[in-house]
Each structure stands twice: as structure tokens, then as C-alpha cells.
PDB file of all heavy atoms in Angstrom:
ATOM      1  N   ASP A   1      35.569 -30.484  38.426  1.00  0.00           N
ATOM      2  CA  ASP A   1      35.905 -30.680  39.818  1.00  0.00           C
ATOM      3  C   ASP A   1      37.246 -31.574  39.821  1.00  0.00           C
ATOM      4  O   ASP A   1      37.169 -32.699  39.552  1.00  0.00           O
ATOM      5  CB  ASP A   1      34.806 -31.416  40.599  1.00  0.00           C
ATOM      6  CG  ASP A   1      35.137 -31.476  42.132  1.00  0.00           C
ATOM      7  OD1 ASP A   1      36.261 -31.244  42.514  1.00  0.00           O
ATOM      8  OD2 ASP A   1      34.140 -31.919  42.840  1.00  0.00           O
ATOM      9  N   ASP A   2      38.272 -30.932  40.244  1.00  0.00           N
ATOM     10  CA  ASP A   2      39.564 -31.634  40.274  1.00  0.00           C
ATOM     11  C   ASP A   2      39.745 -32.582  41.411  1.00  0.00           C
ATOM     12  O   ASP A   2      40.649 -33.378  41.370  1.00  0.00           O
ATOM     13  CB  ASP A   2      40.705 -30.563  40.258  1.00  0.00           C
ATOM     14  CG  ASP A   2      42.063 -31.111  39.927  1.00  0.00           C
ATOM     15  OD1 ASP A   2      41.997 -32.072  39.110  1.00  0.00           O
ATOM     16  OD2 ASP A   2      43.094 -30.598  40.453  1.00  0.00           O
ATOM     17  N   ALA A   3      38.740 -32.570  42.338  1.00  0.00           N
ATOM     18  CA  ALA A   3      38.866 -33.446  43.451  1.00  0.00           C
ATOM     19  C   ALA A   3      38.247 -34.867  43.136  1.00  0.00           C
ATOM     20  O   ALA A   3      38.448 -35.737  43.885  1.00  0.00           O
ATOM     21  CB  ALA A   3      38.156 -32.793  44.640  1.00  0.00           C
ATOM     22  N   GLN A   4      37.453 -34.901  41.989  1.00  0.00           N
ATOM     23  CA  GLN A   4      36.954 -36.183  41.622  1.00  0.00           C
ATOM     24  C   GLN A   4      37.823 -37.120  40.841  1.00  0.00           C
ATOM     25  O   GLN A   4      38.850 -36.644  40.325  1.00  0.00           O
ATOM     26  CB  GLN A   4      35.720 -35.829  40.752  1.00  0.00           C
ATOM     27  CG  GLN A   4      34.541 -35.068  41.464  1.00  0.00           C
ATOM     28  CD  GLN A   4      34.026 -35.869  42.568  1.00  0.00           C
ATOM     29  OE1 GLN A   4      33.723 -37.050  42.553  1.00  0.00           O
ATOM     30  NE2 GLN A   4      33.713 -35.161  43.695  1.00  0.00           N
ATOM     31  N   THR A   5      37.554 -38.295  40.833  1.00  0.00           N
ATOM     32  CA  THR A   5      38.268 -39.284  40.006  1.00  0.00           C
ATOM     33  C   THR A   5      37.454 -39.657  38.788  1.00  0.00           C
ATOM     34  O   THR A   5      36.269 -39.992  38.856  1.00  0.00           O
ATOM     35  CB  THR A   5      38.566 -40.561  40.810  1.00  0.00           C
ATOM     36  OG1 THR A   5      39.416 -40.285  42.059  1.00  0.00           O
ATOM     37  CG2 THR A   5      39.315 -41.640  39.963  1.00  0.00           C
ATOM     38  N   TYR A   6      38.082 -39.620  37.645  1.00  0.00           N
ATOM     39  CA  TYR A   6      37.369 -39.848  36.422  1.00  0.00           C
ATOM     40  C   TYR A   6      37.872 -41.069  35.715  1.00  0.00           C
ATOM     41  O   TYR A   6      39.123 -41.367  35.682  1.00  0.00           O
ATOM     42  CB  TYR A   6      37.523 -38.644  35.465  1.00  0.00           C
ATOM     43  CG  TYR A   6      37.020 -37.340  36.080  1.00  0.00           C
ATOM     44  CD1 TYR A   6      37.908 -36.448  36.676  1.00  0.00           C
ATOM     45  CD2 TYR A   6      35.727 -37.043  36.124  1.00  0.00           C
ATOM     46  CE1 TYR A   6      37.455 -35.305  37.290  1.00  0.00           C
ATOM     47  CE2 TYR A   6      35.176 -35.868  36.622  1.00  0.00           C
ATOM     48  CZ  TYR A   6      36.074 -35.003  37.263  1.00  0.00           C
ATOM     49  OH  TYR A   6      35.601 -33.890  37.838  1.00  0.00           O
ATOM     50  N   GLU A   7      36.993 -41.826  35.087  1.00  0.00           N
ATOM     51  CA  GLU A   7      37.341 -43.058  34.462  1.00  0.00           C
ATOM     52  C   GLU A   7      38.438 -42.919  33.420  1.00  0.00           C
ATOM     53  O   GLU A   7      38.233 -42.042  32.465  1.00  0.00           O
ATOM     54  CB  GLU A   7      36.148 -43.765  33.855  1.00  0.00           C
ATOM     55  CG  GLU A   7      36.411 -45.166  33.283  1.00  0.00           C
ATOM     56  CD  GLU A   7      35.193 -45.818  32.807  1.00  0.00           C
ATOM     57  OE1 GLU A   7      34.066 -45.224  32.911  1.00  0.00           O
ATOM     58  OE2 GLU A   7      35.238 -46.936  32.295  1.00  0.00           O
ATOM     59  N   ASP A   8      39.589 -43.615  33.416  1.00  0.00           N
ATOM     60  CA  ASP A   8      40.598 -43.387  32.550  1.00  0.00           C
ATOM     61  C   ASP A   8      41.120 -42.012  32.498  1.00  0.00           C
ATOM     62  O   ASP A   8      41.948 -41.641  31.601  1.00  0.00           O
ATOM     63  CB  ASP A   8      40.208 -43.840  31.051  1.00  0.00           C
ATOM     64  CG  ASP A   8      39.756 -45.273  30.939  1.00  0.00           C
ATOM     65  OD1 ASP A   8      40.391 -46.079  31.735  1.00  0.00           O
ATOM     66  OD2 ASP A   8      38.835 -45.614  30.231  1.00  0.00           O
ATOM     67  N   GLY A   9      40.905 -41.212  33.531  1.00  0.00           N
ATOM     68  CA  GLY A   9      41.363 -39.838  33.564  1.00  0.00           C
ATOM     69  C   GLY A   9      40.668 -38.909  32.606  1.00  0.00           C
ATOM     70  O   GLY A   9      41.265 -37.801  32.283  1.00  0.00           O
ATOM     71  N   ILE A  10      39.499 -39.320  31.979  1.00  0.00           N
ATOM     72  CA  ILE A  10      38.907 -38.504  31.003  1.00  0.00           C
ATOM     73  C   ILE A  10      37.697 -37.757  31.587  1.00  0.00           C
ATOM     74  O   ILE A  10      36.780 -38.299  32.054  1.00  0.00           O
ATOM     75  CB  ILE A  10      38.402 -39.324  29.844  1.00  0.00           C
ATOM     76  CG1 ILE A  10      39.547 -40.173  29.279  1.00  0.00           C
ATOM     77  CG2 ILE A  10      37.734 -38.416  28.705  1.00  0.00           C
ATOM     78  CD1 ILE A  10      40.750 -39.419  28.706  1.00  0.00           C
ATOM     79  N   VAL A  11      37.711 -36.425  31.467  1.00  0.00           N
ATOM     80  CA  VAL A  11      36.572 -35.620  31.762  1.00  0.00           C
ATOM     81  C   VAL A  11      35.698 -35.448  30.592  1.00  0.00           C
ATOM     82  O   VAL A  11      36.213 -35.062  29.507  1.00  0.00           O
ATOM     83  CB  VAL A  11      37.042 -34.191  32.263  1.00  0.00           C
ATOM     84  CG1 VAL A  11      35.782 -33.290  32.466  1.00  0.00           C
ATOM     85  CG2 VAL A  11      37.878 -34.255  33.587  1.00  0.00           C
ATOM     86  N   ARG A  12      34.381 -35.880  30.810  1.00  0.00           N
ATOM     87  CA  ARG A  12      33.494 -35.777  29.643  1.00  0.00           C
ATOM     88  C   ARG A  12      32.313 -34.815  29.969  1.00  0.00           C
ATOM     89  O   ARG A  12      32.392 -34.166  30.988  1.00  0.00           O
ATOM     90  CB  ARG A  12      32.822 -37.171  29.430  1.00  0.00           C
ATOM     91  CG  ARG A  12      33.986 -38.341  29.212  1.00  0.00           C
ATOM     92  CD  ARG A  12      33.500 -39.505  28.552  1.00  0.00           C
ATOM     93  NE  ARG A  12      34.531 -40.540  28.483  1.00  0.00           N
ATOM     94  CZ  ARG A  12      35.448 -40.619  27.479  1.00  0.00           C
ATOM     95  NH1 ARG A  12      35.270 -39.800  26.512  1.00  0.00           N
ATOM     96  NH2 ARG A  12      36.328 -41.594  27.448  1.00  0.00           N
ATOM     97  N   GLY A  13      31.536 -34.640  29.020  1.00  0.00           N
ATOM     98  CA  GLY A  13      30.491 -33.546  29.066  1.00  0.00           C
ATOM     99  C   GLY A  13      29.673 -33.430  30.380  1.00  0.00           C
ATOM    100  O   GLY A  13      29.513 -32.426  30.938  1.00  0.00           O
ATOM    101  N   ASP A  14      29.345 -34.633  30.881  1.00  0.00           N
ATOM    102  CA  ASP A  14      28.571 -34.769  32.086  1.00  0.00           C
ATOM    103  C   ASP A  14      29.323 -34.390  33.291  1.00  0.00           C
ATOM    104  O   ASP A  14      28.773 -34.066  34.381  1.00  0.00           O
ATOM    105  CB  ASP A  14      27.886 -36.158  32.275  1.00  0.00           C
ATOM    106  CG  ASP A  14      26.834 -36.414  31.193  1.00  0.00           C
ATOM    107  OD1 ASP A  14      26.288 -35.474  30.588  1.00  0.00           O
ATOM    108  OD2 ASP A  14      26.575 -37.640  31.044  1.00  0.00           O
ATOM    109  N   ASP A  15      30.663 -34.264  33.188  1.00  0.00           N
ATOM    110  CA  ASP A  15      31.509 -34.001  34.356  1.00  0.00           C
ATOM    111  C   ASP A  15      31.795 -32.577  34.493  1.00  0.00           C
ATOM    112  O   ASP A  15      32.310 -32.104  35.487  1.00  0.00           O
ATOM    113  CB  ASP A  15      32.884 -34.798  34.168  1.00  0.00           C
ATOM    114  CG  ASP A  15      32.724 -36.287  34.021  1.00  0.00           C
ATOM    115  OD1 ASP A  15      31.807 -36.809  34.856  1.00  0.00           O
ATOM    116  OD2 ASP A  15      33.394 -36.914  33.266  1.00  0.00           O
ATOM    117  N   LEU A  16      31.455 -31.788  33.478  1.00  0.00           N
ATOM    118  CA  LEU A  16      31.851 -30.384  33.384  1.00  0.00           C
ATOM    119  C   LEU A  16      31.013 -29.470  34.434  1.00  0.00           C
ATOM    120  O   LEU A  16      29.853 -29.730  34.532  1.00  0.00           O
ATOM    121  CB  LEU A  16      31.681 -29.809  32.021  1.00  0.00           C
ATOM    122  CG  LEU A  16      32.547 -30.409  30.924  1.00  0.00           C
ATOM    123  CD1 LEU A  16      32.197 -29.900  29.609  1.00  0.00           C
ATOM    124  CD2 LEU A  16      34.090 -30.012  31.255  1.00  0.00           C
ATOM    125  N   GLU A  17      31.602 -28.521  34.986  1.00  0.00           N
ATOM    126  CA  GLU A  17      31.020 -27.584  35.791  1.00  0.00           C
ATOM    127  C   GLU A  17      30.597 -26.269  34.996  1.00  0.00           C
ATOM    128  O   GLU A  17      29.609 -25.637  35.277  1.00  0.00           O
ATOM    129  CB  GLU A  17      31.797 -27.170  37.061  1.00  0.00           C
ATOM    130  CG  GLU A  17      32.005 -28.288  38.041  1.00  0.00           C
ATOM    131  CD  GLU A  17      32.742 -27.787  39.283  1.00  0.00           C
ATOM    132  OE1 GLU A  17      33.336 -26.696  39.236  1.00  0.00           O
ATOM    133  OE2 GLU A  17      32.656 -28.557  40.293  1.00  0.00           O
ATOM    134  N   ALA A  18      31.392 -25.976  33.927  1.00  0.00           N
ATOM    135  CA  ALA A  18      31.056 -24.772  33.119  1.00  0.00           C
ATOM    136  C   ALA A  18      31.717 -25.090  31.721  1.00  0.00           C
ATOM    137  O   ALA A  18      32.740 -25.785  31.696  1.00  0.00           O
ATOM    138  CB  ALA A  18      31.617 -23.519  33.734  1.00  0.00           C
ATOM    139  N   PHE A  19      31.093 -24.524  30.727  1.00  0.00           N
ATOM    140  CA  PHE A  19      31.682 -24.673  29.369  1.00  0.00           C
ATOM    141  C   PHE A  19      31.111 -23.545  28.495  1.00  0.00           C
ATOM    142  O   PHE A  19      29.928 -23.523  28.199  1.00  0.00           O
ATOM    143  CB  PHE A  19      31.362 -26.039  28.720  1.00  0.00           C
ATOM    144  CG  PHE A  19      32.232 -26.211  27.457  1.00  0.00           C
ATOM    145  CD1 PHE A  19      33.361 -26.978  27.469  1.00  0.00           C
ATOM    146  CD2 PHE A  19      31.853 -25.676  26.252  1.00  0.00           C
ATOM    147  CE1 PHE A  19      34.048 -27.144  26.303  1.00  0.00           C
ATOM    148  CE2 PHE A  19      32.552 -25.822  25.075  1.00  0.00           C
ATOM    149  CZ  PHE A  19      33.677 -26.566  25.152  1.00  0.00           C
ATOM    150  N   ASP A  20      31.890 -22.569  28.195  1.00  0.00           N
ATOM    151  CA  ASP A  20      31.542 -21.378  27.334  1.00  0.00           C
ATOM    152  C   ASP A  20      32.496 -21.382  26.122  1.00  0.00           C
ATOM    153  O   ASP A  20      33.720 -21.558  26.258  1.00  0.00           O
ATOM    154  CB  ASP A  20      31.712 -20.111  28.086  1.00  0.00           C
ATOM    155  CG  ASP A  20      30.913 -20.089  29.382  1.00  0.00           C
ATOM    156  OD1 ASP A  20      29.849 -20.717  29.464  1.00  0.00           O
ATOM    157  OD2 ASP A  20      31.319 -19.413  30.311  1.00  0.00           O
ATOM    158  N   ILE A  21      31.891 -21.121  24.898  1.00  0.00           N
ATOM    159  CA  ILE A  21      32.703 -21.073  23.828  1.00  0.00           C
ATOM    160  C   ILE A  21      32.103 -19.961  22.777  1.00  0.00           C
ATOM    161  O   ILE A  21      30.972 -19.669  22.844  1.00  0.00           O
ATOM    162  CB  ILE A  21      32.671 -22.406  23.014  1.00  0.00           C
ATOM    163  CG1 ILE A  21      33.682 -22.454  21.877  1.00  0.00           C
ATOM    164  CG2 ILE A  21      31.228 -22.754  22.519  1.00  0.00           C
ATOM    165  CD1 ILE A  21      35.029 -22.742  22.231  1.00  0.00           C
ATOM    166  N   ALA A  22      33.032 -19.230  22.154  1.00  0.00           N
ATOM    167  CA  ALA A  22      32.743 -18.220  21.230  1.00  0.00           C
ATOM    168  C   ALA A  22      33.438 -18.376  19.933  1.00  0.00           C
ATOM    169  O   ALA A  22      34.673 -18.867  19.975  1.00  0.00           O
ATOM    170  CB  ALA A  22      33.019 -16.851  21.781  1.00  0.00           C
ATOM    171  N   PHE A  23      32.849 -18.009  18.792  1.00  0.00           N
ATOM    172  CA  PHE A  23      33.522 -18.203  17.444  1.00  0.00           C
ATOM    173  C   PHE A  23      33.580 -16.902  16.781  1.00  0.00           C
ATOM    174  O   PHE A  23      32.695 -16.077  16.882  1.00  0.00           O
ATOM    175  CB  PHE A  23      32.668 -19.159  16.594  1.00  0.00           C
ATOM    176  CG  PHE A  23      32.652 -20.600  17.141  1.00  0.00           C
ATOM    177  CD1 PHE A  23      31.439 -20.970  17.896  1.00  0.00           C
ATOM    178  CD2 PHE A  23      33.702 -21.420  17.065  1.00  0.00           C
ATOM    179  CE1 PHE A  23      31.335 -22.254  18.406  1.00  0.00           C
ATOM    180  CE2 PHE A  23      33.550 -22.748  17.594  1.00  0.00           C
ATOM    181  CZ  PHE A  23      32.455 -23.120  18.278  1.00  0.00           C
ATOM    182  N   TYR A  24      34.821 -16.692  16.107  1.00  0.00           N
ATOM    183  CA  TYR A  24      35.060 -15.388  15.441  1.00  0.00           C
ATOM    184  C   TYR A  24      35.470 -15.593  13.979  1.00  0.00           C
ATOM    185  O   TYR A  24      35.907 -16.589  13.558  1.00  0.00           O
ATOM    186  CB  TYR A  24      36.297 -14.741  16.179  1.00  0.00           C
ATOM    187  CG  TYR A  24      36.072 -14.475  17.567  1.00  0.00           C
ATOM    188  CD1 TYR A  24      36.288 -15.469  18.633  1.00  0.00           C
ATOM    189  CD2 TYR A  24      35.452 -13.263  18.096  1.00  0.00           C
ATOM    190  CE1 TYR A  24      36.096 -15.302  19.885  1.00  0.00           C
ATOM    191  CE2 TYR A  24      35.217 -13.068  19.456  1.00  0.00           C
ATOM    192  CZ  TYR A  24      35.511 -14.027  20.333  1.00  0.00           C
ATOM    193  OH  TYR A  24      35.243 -13.858  21.686  1.00  0.00           O
ATOM    194  N   ASP A  25      35.200 -14.537  13.254  1.00  0.00           N
ATOM    195  CA  ASP A  25      35.547 -14.520  11.815  1.00  0.00           C
ATOM    196  C   ASP A  25      37.073 -14.207  11.681  1.00  0.00           C
ATOM    197  O   ASP A  25      37.679 -13.893  12.675  1.00  0.00           O
ATOM    198  CB  ASP A  25      34.679 -13.561  11.082  1.00  0.00           C
ATOM    199  CG  ASP A  25      34.924 -12.074  11.308  1.00  0.00           C
ATOM    200  OD1 ASP A  25      36.021 -11.753  11.830  1.00  0.00           O
ATOM    201  OD2 ASP A  25      34.112 -11.295  10.887  1.00  0.00           O
ATOM    202  N   PRO A  26      37.655 -14.277  10.417  1.00  0.00           N
ATOM    203  CA  PRO A  26      39.045 -14.114  10.309  1.00  0.00           C
ATOM    204  C   PRO A  26      39.598 -12.718  10.784  1.00  0.00           C
ATOM    205  O   PRO A  26      40.732 -12.556  11.024  1.00  0.00           O
ATOM    206  CB  PRO A  26      39.300 -14.284   8.828  1.00  0.00           C
ATOM    207  CG  PRO A  26      38.107 -15.289   8.461  1.00  0.00           C
ATOM    208  CD  PRO A  26      37.036 -14.779   9.138  1.00  0.00           C
ATOM    209  N   GLN A  27      38.673 -11.702  10.805  1.00  0.00           N
ATOM    210  CA  GLN A  27      39.092 -10.363  11.258  1.00  0.00           C
ATOM    211  C   GLN A  27      38.873 -10.241  12.810  1.00  0.00           C
ATOM    212  O   GLN A  27      39.143  -9.123  13.341  1.00  0.00           O
ATOM    213  CB  GLN A  27      38.235  -9.265  10.504  1.00  0.00           C
ATOM    214  CG  GLN A  27      38.487  -9.116   9.045  1.00  0.00           C
ATOM    215  CD  GLN A  27      37.998 -10.344   8.282  1.00  0.00           C
ATOM    216  OE1 GLN A  27      36.934 -10.777   8.352  1.00  0.00           O
ATOM    217  NE2 GLN A  27      38.903 -10.863   7.346  1.00  0.00           N
ATOM    218  N   GLY A  28      38.457 -11.247  13.429  1.00  0.00           N
ATOM    219  CA  GLY A  28      38.343 -11.168  14.871  1.00  0.00           C
ATOM    220  C   GLY A  28      36.977 -10.648  15.389  1.00  0.00           C
ATOM    221  O   GLY A  28      36.802 -10.417  16.556  1.00  0.00           O
ATOM    222  N   ASN A  29      35.949 -10.579  14.467  1.00  0.00           N
ATOM    223  CA  ASN A  29      34.614 -10.206  14.840  1.00  0.00           C
ATOM    224  C   ASN A  29      33.847 -11.330  15.334  1.00  0.00           C
ATOM    225  O   ASN A  29      33.892 -12.495  14.782  1.00  0.00           O
ATOM    226  CB  ASN A  29      33.956  -9.613  13.603  1.00  0.00           C
ATOM    227  CG  ASN A  29      34.627  -8.345  13.099  1.00  0.00           C
ATOM    228  OD1 ASN A  29      34.928  -7.382  13.885  1.00  0.00           O
ATOM    229  ND2 ASN A  29      34.898  -8.341  11.806  1.00  0.00           N
ATOM    230  N   LEU A  30      33.088 -11.196  16.390  1.00  0.00           N
ATOM    231  CA  LEU A  30      32.305 -12.224  16.953  1.00  0.00           C
ATOM    232  C   LEU A  30      31.227 -12.711  16.054  1.00  0.00           C
ATOM    233  O   LEU A  30      30.534 -11.907  15.424  1.00  0.00           O
ATOM    234  CB  LEU A  30      31.681 -11.761  18.301  1.00  0.00           C
ATOM    235  CG  LEU A  30      30.695 -12.849  18.996  1.00  0.00           C
ATOM    236  CD1 LEU A  30      31.470 -13.898  19.592  1.00  0.00           C
ATOM    237  CD2 LEU A  30      29.905 -12.063  20.102  1.00  0.00           C
ATOM    238  N   ILE A  31      31.095 -13.968  15.889  1.00  0.00           N
ATOM    239  CA  ILE A  31      29.948 -14.582  15.091  1.00  0.00           C
ATOM    240  C   ILE A  31      28.927 -14.958  16.002  1.00  0.00           C
ATOM    241  O   ILE A  31      27.711 -14.498  15.842  1.00  0.00           O
ATOM    242  CB  ILE A  31      30.519 -15.853  14.266  1.00  0.00           C
ATOM    243  CG1 ILE A  31      31.622 -15.482  13.393  1.00  0.00           C
ATOM    244  CG2 ILE A  31      29.273 -16.362  13.425  1.00  0.00           C
ATOM    245  CD1 ILE A  31      32.247 -16.717  12.629  1.00  0.00           C
ATOM    246  N   GLN A  32      29.230 -15.880  17.056  1.00  0.00           N
ATOM    247  CA  GLN A  32      28.201 -16.371  17.929  1.00  0.00           C
ATOM    248  C   GLN A  32      28.931 -16.935  19.161  1.00  0.00           C
ATOM    249  O   GLN A  32      30.017 -17.498  19.076  1.00  0.00           O
ATOM    250  CB  GLN A  32      27.281 -17.454  17.233  1.00  0.00           C
ATOM    251  CG  GLN A  32      26.049 -17.728  18.085  1.00  0.00           C
ATOM    252  CD  GLN A  32      25.097 -18.554  17.304  1.00  0.00           C
ATOM    253  OE1 GLN A  32      25.340 -19.045  16.171  1.00  0.00           O
ATOM    254  NE2 GLN A  32      23.934 -18.949  18.042  1.00  0.00           N
ATOM    255  N   GLU A  33      28.316 -16.835  20.313  1.00  0.00           N
ATOM    256  CA  GLU A  33      28.808 -17.415  21.509  1.00  0.00           C
ATOM    257  C   GLU A  33      27.849 -18.204  22.198  1.00  0.00           C
ATOM    258  O   GLU A  33      26.642 -18.027  22.064  1.00  0.00           O
ATOM    259  CB  GLU A  33      29.449 -16.291  22.367  1.00  0.00           C
ATOM    260  CG  GLU A  33      28.409 -15.158  22.624  1.00  0.00           C
ATOM    261  CD  GLU A  33      29.086 -13.936  23.276  1.00  0.00           C
ATOM    262  OE1 GLU A  33      30.218 -13.983  23.514  1.00  0.00           O
ATOM    263  OE2 GLU A  33      28.293 -12.905  23.437  1.00  0.00           O
TER     264      GLU A  33
END
């Protein structure tokens, strides 16, 4: 939420609205998401 004020300007895990991540091998094949 960009409308909020964060201590020292740092957004931390509890402040997130969404967080998705995926990892790939060197050939670009999905390992896990």
C-alpha cells in the first residue's frame, strides 16, 4: 500500500499485500514457484 507510511521508509514482510516468486534452472525451466 503506497498510501501508508513505513518506518524508515522500509516495507517489510508484514506490510506486503502480495508476494509471488518462481525459480528456474539455467535453461529457463521452472523448478518451483
